[in-house]
Amino acid sequence: MKSNVGGIDKILRIVVGAGLIGATVAGVLPVWGYIGIVPLATGLMGWCPLYPLLGLSTCPLKK
């Protein structure tokens, strides 16, 4: 798996994912908030399975 999630995208995924999970654990959101596992995992791995299907990559080009 080649990395396809770059800097700002990675940080936003981790923050949003952790926020959704945290809000669910705190009781602010219902159980659907655990969907935050998806952006959190893709941010930590640096790879999004949807990006290749759409032909996207937010990683800077390596020279």
Protein backbone atom coordinates (compact mmCIF):
# COMPACT_ATOMS: atom_id res chain seq x y z
CA MET A 1 0.00 0.00 0.00
CA LYS A 2 1.53 3.25 -1.14
CA SER A 3 0.72 6.24 1.06
CA ASN A 4 -1.93 8.48 -0.51
CA VAL A 5 -2.96 10.70 2.44
CA GLY A 6 -0.80 13.80 2.92
CA GLY A 7 -0.06 16.21 5.77
CA ILE A 8 -3.11 18.40 6.34
CA ASP A 9 -5.49 15.65 5.19
CA LYS A 10 -3.91 13.23 7.67
CA ILE A 11 -4.17 15.69 10.58
CA LEU A 12 -7.81 16.52 9.79
CA ARG A 13 -8.74 12.84 9.58
CA ILE A 14 -7.15 12.11 12.95
CA VAL A 15 -8.76 15.13 14.65
CA VAL A 16 -12.24 14.49 13.21
CA GLY A 17 -12.08 10.77 13.94
CA ALA A 18 -10.91 11.28 17.51
CA GLY A 19 -13.53 14.00 18.00
CA LEU A 20 -16.37 11.77 16.84
CA ILE A 21 -15.24 8.89 19.02
CA GLY A 22 -14.70 11.18 22.00
CA ALA A 23 -18.14 12.77 21.62
CA THR A 24 -19.73 9.33 21.43
CA VAL A 25 -17.92 8.08 24.53
CA ALA A 26 -18.96 11.27 26.38
CA GLY A 27 -22.59 10.65 25.43
CA VAL A 28 -22.94 13.72 23.20
CA LEU A 29 -23.44 11.64 20.04
CA PRO A 30 -25.35 8.38 19.64
CA VAL A 31 -23.65 5.13 18.65
CA TRP A 32 -23.21 6.20 15.00
CA GLY A 33 -20.38 8.45 16.20
CA TYR A 34 -18.13 5.38 16.28
CA ILE A 35 -17.89 5.83 12.50
CA GLY A 36 -15.00 8.09 13.54
CA ILE A 37 -12.91 4.92 13.60
CA VAL A 38 -12.72 5.09 9.79
CA PRO A 39 -11.11 8.55 9.41
CA LEU A 40 -8.94 7.91 12.47
CA ALA A 41 -7.61 4.64 11.04
CA THR A 42 -7.02 6.04 7.55
CA GLY A 43 -5.25 9.05 9.03
CA LEU A 44 -2.99 6.91 11.19
CA MET A 45 -2.21 4.49 8.35
CA GLY A 46 -1.71 7.24 5.77
CA TRP A 47 -3.72 5.30 3.22
CA CYS A 48 -7.33 5.71 2.13
CA PRO A 49 -8.88 2.82 0.16
CA LEU A 50 -11.30 5.18 -1.61
CA TYR A 51 -8.61 7.47 -3.06
CA PRO A 52 -7.24 4.99 -5.66
CA LEU A 53 -10.76 4.29 -6.88
CA LEU A 54 -11.29 8.01 -7.42
CA GLY A 55 -7.77 8.61 -8.73
CA LEU A 56 -6.87 10.96 -5.88
CA SER A 57 -3.82 11.45 -3.69
CA THR A 58 -3.01 14.24 -1.26
CA CYS A 59 0.60 13.15 -0.76
CA PRO A 60 3.23 15.43 -2.23
CA LEU A 61 4.98 14.04 -5.29
CA LYS A 62 8.33 12.40 -4.61
CA LYS A 63 11.16 13.52 -6.88
